[in-house]
Amino acid sequence: MAKCSTVVLCSALSLMTFAVSAHNAVAGPPFRTDDPVPVDYKHYEFYSFTTGTHAAEGTDGALPGFELTYGLIPNGQLQVGGGAAFNRPSLGSMQWGLGDSEVSFKYRFIQEDTNGWRPQASVFPSVELPTGEQKRGLGAGHASLFLPLWIQKSFGPWTTYGGGGYRFNQDASVGDKDHWFVGWLLQRKLTQQLTLGGEIFHQTADTVDGEDSSGFNLGGSYDFDAHNHLLFSAGRGLRNAAENNLFSWYLGWEITN
């Protein structure tokens, strides 16, 4: 892959100061479970996407969302993004505007042994900032910090990864509280262009009056060439689905260089 020029990087970073955060934020496009693989040093990935979750009380998500990831150091990437959030309550009017922002940094501290059983592993702390308007359902109304650990192992065309972490999210004024998220994914490269997989995930209650939730997503990616990729997934909740996730989706375009 070609290296990212300084002009391209600086221009993109100036546009990408915000990351859309829906009620159930996306982790590793197009899934909620993330992987430990950072972008190669001095290379980048750019995503444009829509994502959302429908539940009994309405539908919310990102439309459109943007995300830029840059290989800042060997085995380390900086991630920022930008876009708009939407919220359509079942008994209210459609709301659309700037969502919460997010800045994160992934660092891989264990390399995978391709000839053995040792997986690769990364930490991926992220900070979510309350740039969206909470009263309109476009943001949490307060900052949060997510501290996850992700691991991955590949076996020929098969890849499996997962892990989880703890989100410091407590704010009594809006009823939010700290919670755990864990997820695991299995995928297979079916052709040179097409990869398909599925994930399962679980999250403890993130509000004072809320309940734990679990769910799944099925999806994958299609590589049109070395630089252009279609990402897609869809799924639903398995526990307390009506309150949290009757249906969710992700559809995005990724440009790599």
Protein backbone atom coordinates (compact mmCIF):
# COMPACT_ATOMS: atom_id res chain seq x y z
CA MET A 1 0.00 0.00 0.00
CA ALA A 2 1.16 3.55 -0.76
CA LYS A 3 2.13 5.81 2.11
CA CYS A 4 -0.21 8.60 3.23
CA SER A 5 1.11 12.06 2.31
CA THR A 6 1.38 14.80 4.94
CA VAL A 7 -1.03 17.02 3.00
CA VAL A 8 -3.71 14.31 2.85
CA LEU A 9 -3.33 13.47 6.54
CA CYS A 10 -3.49 17.06 7.76
CA SER A 11 -6.48 17.86 5.57
CA ALA A 12 -8.35 14.79 6.74
CA LEU A 13 -7.58 15.40 10.41
CA SER A 14 -8.86 18.95 10.16
CA LEU A 15 -12.18 17.64 8.86
CA MET A 16 -12.39 14.69 11.22
CA THR A 17 -12.52 16.20 14.70
CA PHE A 18 -15.70 14.40 15.64
CA ALA A 19 -16.84 10.77 15.84
CA VAL A 20 -20.50 9.89 15.76
CA SER A 21 -21.67 7.92 18.77
CA ALA A 22 -25.05 6.23 18.67
CA HIS A 23 -26.58 4.66 21.78
CA ASN A 24 -24.77 1.43 20.84
CA ALA A 25 -21.51 2.67 19.39
CA VAL A 26 -19.80 0.75 16.62
CA ALA A 27 -16.40 -0.65 17.57
CA GLY A 28 -14.77 -2.56 14.70
CA PRO A 29 -16.63 -1.77 11.47
CA PRO A 30 -18.93 -3.38 10.54
CA PHE A 31 -19.22 -5.11 13.96
CA ARG A 32 -19.44 -4.06 17.61
CA THR A 33 -16.59 -6.39 18.56
CA ASP A 34 -13.19 -4.95 17.66
CA ASP A 35 -9.93 -6.54 16.53
CA PRO A 36 -6.37 -5.88 17.74
CA VAL A 37 -4.89 -5.10 14.29
CA PRO A 38 -3.64 -1.49 13.94
CA VAL A 39 -3.29 0.32 10.64
CA ASP A 40 0.21 -0.03 9.18
CA TYR A 41 2.71 2.69 10.11
CA LYS A 42 2.17 5.86 8.01
CA HIS A 43 -0.89 4.40 6.25
CA TYR A 44 -4.56 5.28 6.74
CA GLU A 45 -8.14 4.01 6.56
CA PHE A 46 -11.13 6.26 5.89
CA TYR A 47 -14.74 5.16 6.49
CA SER A 48 -18.04 6.73 5.50
CA PHE A 49 -21.09 4.90 6.84
CA THR A 50 -24.58 4.75 8.23
CA THR A 51 -25.40 2.73 11.33
CA GLY A 52 -28.39 2.49 13.61
CA THR A 53 -30.46 0.54 16.11
CA HIS A 54 -34.24 0.18 16.20
CA ALA A 55 -36.02 -0.59 19.50
CA ALA A 56 -39.51 -0.18 20.90
CA GLU A 57 -38.95 3.47 21.83
CA GLY A 58 -37.53 4.48 18.46
CA THR A 59 -34.50 4.40 16.17
CA ASP A 60 -31.15 6.15 16.51
CA GLY A 61 -27.76 6.05 14.83
CA ALA A 62 -25.41 7.87 12.48
CA LEU A 63 -26.29 9.29 9.05
CA PRO A 64 -23.77 9.95 7.70
CA GLY A 65 -20.79 8.96 9.82
CA PHE A 66 -17.10 9.38 9.02
CA GLU A 67 -13.97 7.92 10.56
CA LEU A 68 -10.24 8.29 9.92
CA THR A 69 -7.56 5.96 11.26
CA TYR A 70 -3.84 6.67 10.83
CA GLY A 71 -0.78 4.53 11.65
CA LEU A 72 0.91 7.03 13.91
CA ILE A 73 3.69 4.72 15.19
CA PRO A 74 4.67 1.10 14.49
CA ASN A 75 1.90 -1.08 16.03
CA GLY A 76 -0.06 2.03 17.04
CA GLN A 77 -2.92 3.93 15.42
CA LEU A 78 -4.78 7.16 16.13
CA GLN A 79 -8.51 7.20 15.33
CA VAL A 80 -10.85 10.18 14.97
CA GLY A 81 -14.06 10.70 12.99
CA GLY A 82 -16.96 12.93 12.06
CA GLY A 83 -20.57 13.00 10.95
CA ALA A 84 -24.14 13.45 12.08
CA ALA A 85 -26.40 11.57 14.50
CA PHE A 86 -30.14 11.00 14.23
CA ASN A 87 -32.85 10.06 16.70
CA ARG A 88 -36.42 9.20 15.74
CA PRO A 89 -38.57 8.46 18.83
CA SER A 90 -41.60 6.25 18.28
CA LEU A 91 -43.86 9.03 19.62
CA GLY A 92 -41.85 12.07 18.57
CA SER A 93 -40.32 13.92 15.65
CA MET A 94 -37.08 13.15 13.85
CA GLN A 95 -33.97 14.80 15.32
CA TRP A 96 -30.72 15.20 13.34
CA GLY A 97 -27.44 16.95 14.14
CA LEU A 98 -23.93 16.60 15.50
CA GLY A 99 -23.37 13.52 17.67
CA ASP A 100 -20.91 12.86 20.48
CA SER A 101 -17.20 12.85 19.58
CA GLU A 102 -14.61 10.16 20.09
CA VAL A 103 -10.82 9.95 19.98
CA SER A 104 -9.02 6.62 20.48
CA PHE A 105 -5.60 5.03 20.25
CA LYS A 106 -4.91 1.34 19.57
CA TYR A 107 -1.56 -0.22 20.53
CA ARG A 108 -0.62 -3.82 19.73
CA PHE A 109 1.73 -5.19 22.41
CA ILE A 110 1.76 -8.87 21.39
CA GLN A 111 2.47 -10.03 17.83
CA GLU A 112 0.75 -13.12 16.44
CA ASP A 113 2.81 -16.27 15.88
CA THR A 114 1.60 -17.30 12.43
CA ASN A 115 3.19 -20.76 12.80
CA GLY A 116 2.00 -21.40 16.35
CA TRP A 117 -0.85 -20.70 18.75
CA ARG A 118 0.17 -17.31 20.15
CA PRO A 119 -2.48 -14.64 19.28
CA GLN A 120 -1.91 -10.95 18.79
CA ALA A 121 -3.27 -8.55 21.42
CA SER A 122 -3.96 -4.82 21.70
CA VAL A 123 -5.31 -2.24 24.08
CA PHE A 124 -7.65 0.35 22.54
CA PRO A 125 -8.64 3.12 25.01
CA SER A 126 -11.16 5.65 23.73
CA VAL A 127 -12.61 8.87 25.10
CA GLU A 128 -16.12 9.94 24.18
CA LEU A 129 -16.87 13.67 24.47
CA PRO A 130 -20.38 15.17 24.87
CA THR A 131 -20.54 17.25 21.68
CA GLY A 132 -24.05 16.03 20.80
CA GLU A 133 -27.20 17.53 22.31
CA GLN A 134 -28.50 15.11 24.96
CA LYS A 135 -31.94 16.72 25.18
CA ARG A 136 -32.58 15.87 21.52
CA GLY A 137 -31.32 12.31 21.91
CA LEU A 138 -28.13 13.02 19.93
CA GLY A 139 -25.62 12.48 22.71
CA ALA A 140 -24.99 11.09 26.18
CA GLY A 141 -24.67 14.49 27.84
CA HIS A 142 -21.37 13.64 29.54
CA ALA A 143 -17.92 12.22 28.81
CA SER A 144 -17.03 8.52 29.07
CA LEU A 145 -13.89 6.37 28.90
CA PHE A 146 -13.72 2.84 27.46
CA LEU A 147 -10.77 0.57 28.32
CA PRO A 148 -10.85 -2.68 26.30
CA LEU A 149 -8.45 -5.53 25.50
CA TRP A 150 -8.75 -7.30 22.11
CA ILE A 151 -7.07 -10.51 20.91
CA GLN A 152 -7.05 -12.31 17.54
CA LYS A 153 -5.83 -15.54 15.92
CA SER A 154 -5.98 -16.65 12.28
CA PHE A 155 -5.94 -20.18 10.87
CA GLY A 156 -5.75 -20.19 7.09
CA PRO A 157 -8.94 -18.55 5.75
CA TRP A 158 -10.46 -18.42 9.27
CA THR A 159 -10.00 -15.54 11.72
CA THR A 160 -11.42 -15.22 15.21
CA TYR A 161 -11.11 -12.24 17.54
CA GLY A 162 -12.75 -10.64 20.52
CA GLY A 163 -12.42 -9.48 24.09
CA GLY A 164 -14.01 -6.59 25.91
CA GLY A 165 -13.61 -3.89 28.47
CA TYR A 166 -15.07 -1.52 31.03
CA ARG A 167 -16.71 1.81 30.23
CA PHE A 168 -16.56 4.56 32.85
CA ASN A 169 -19.92 6.12 32.07
CA GLN A 170 -21.46 7.14 35.39
CA ASP A 171 -23.56 10.31 35.53
CA ALA A 172 -26.41 10.36 38.03
CA SER A 173 -27.96 13.47 36.47
CA VAL A 174 -28.95 11.51 33.33
CA GLY A 175 -29.18 8.06 34.91
CA ASP A 176 -26.14 6.52 33.20
CA LYS A 177 -23.74 4.16 34.95
CA ASP A 178 -20.49 2.28 34.35
CA HIS A 179 -20.78 -1.03 32.49
CA TRP A 180 -18.95 -3.94 30.86
CA PHE A 181 -18.94 -4.98 27.19
CA VAL A 182 -17.67 -8.33 25.84
CA GLY A 183 -17.89 -9.77 22.34
CA TRP A 184 -16.47 -12.46 20.10
CA LEU A 185 -16.40 -12.93 16.31
CA LEU A 186 -15.60 -15.68 13.80
CA GLN A 187 -15.15 -14.94 10.09
CA ARG A 188 -13.93 -16.70 6.95
CA LYS A 189 -12.45 -15.41 3.71
CA LEU A 190 -14.61 -17.14 1.09
CA THR A 191 -13.03 -15.62 -2.03
CA GLN A 192 -10.30 -13.10 -2.79
CA GLN A 193 -12.95 -10.38 -2.50
CA LEU A 194 -15.57 -11.65 -0.03
CA THR A 195 -15.26 -12.22 3.74
CA LEU A 196 -18.26 -13.19 5.89
CA GLY A 197 -18.62 -13.65 9.64
CA GLY A 198 -20.73 -13.31 12.73
CA GLU A 199 -20.40 -12.01 16.28
CA ILE A 200 -22.12 -12.40 19.61
CA PHE A 201 -21.87 -9.78 22.36
CA HIS A 202 -23.08 -8.94 25.84
CA GLN A 203 -23.31 -5.66 27.74
CA THR A 204 -24.24 -5.06 31.34
CA ALA A 205 -26.83 -2.36 32.09
CA ASP A 206 -25.64 1.11 31.15
CA THR A 207 -28.42 3.00 32.95
CA VAL A 208 -29.68 2.93 36.53
CA ASP A 209 -33.06 1.51 35.50
CA GLY A 210 -31.72 -0.56 32.57
CA GLU A 211 -31.03 -4.27 32.18
CA ASP A 212 -28.26 -6.35 30.67
CA SER A 213 -28.44 -6.93 26.92
CA SER A 214 -27.04 -9.51 24.49
CA GLY A 215 -27.16 -9.77 20.72
CA PHE A 216 -25.59 -10.88 17.47
CA ASN A 217 -24.63 -9.48 14.06
CA LEU A 218 -23.92 -11.17 10.73
CA GLY A 219 -21.96 -9.41 8.02
CA GLY A 220 -18.66 -8.98 6.26
CA SER A 221 -16.79 -7.10 3.58
CA TYR A 222 -16.31 -7.08 -0.18
CA ASP A 223 -13.04 -5.80 -1.67
CA PHE A 224 -13.56 -4.10 -5.02
CA ASP A 225 -9.80 -3.49 -5.27
CA ALA A 226 -6.85 -2.87 -2.94
CA HIS A 227 -8.23 0.50 -1.83
CA ASN A 228 -12.06 0.31 -1.93
CA HIS A 229 -14.12 -1.94 0.34
CA LEU A 230 -17.83 -2.36 1.10
CA LEU A 231 -18.66 -3.17 4.75
CA PHE A 232 -22.04 -4.44 5.94
CA SER A 233 -23.75 -6.13 8.89
CA ALA A 234 -27.19 -6.62 10.42
CA GLY A 235 -28.45 -8.23 13.61
CA ARG A 236 -30.64 -7.95 16.68
CA GLY A 237 -30.74 -8.44 20.39
CA LEU A 238 -31.09 -11.82 22.08
CA ARG A 239 -31.91 -10.50 25.54
CA ASN A 240 -34.18 -7.54 26.32
CA ALA A 241 -34.36 -6.90 22.57
CA ALA A 242 -37.48 -4.72 22.72
CA GLU A 243 -35.76 -2.24 25.04
CA ASN A 244 -32.35 -2.29 23.37
CA ASN A 245 -32.14 -3.82 19.88
CA LEU A 246 -34.98 -5.17 17.75
CA PHE A 247 -32.84 -4.60 14.65
CA SER A 248 -29.48 -2.98 13.98
CA TRP A 249 -27.43 -2.33 10.86
CA TYR A 250 -24.16 -1.02 9.49
CA LEU A 251 -23.40 -0.10 5.87
CA GLY A 252 -20.16 1.61 4.99
CA TRP A 253 -17.47 2.34 2.42
CA GLU A 254 -13.80 2.03 3.39
CA ILE A 255 -10.86 3.59 1.55
CA THR A 256 -7.39 2.29 2.45
CA ASN A 257 -3.95 3.53 1.50
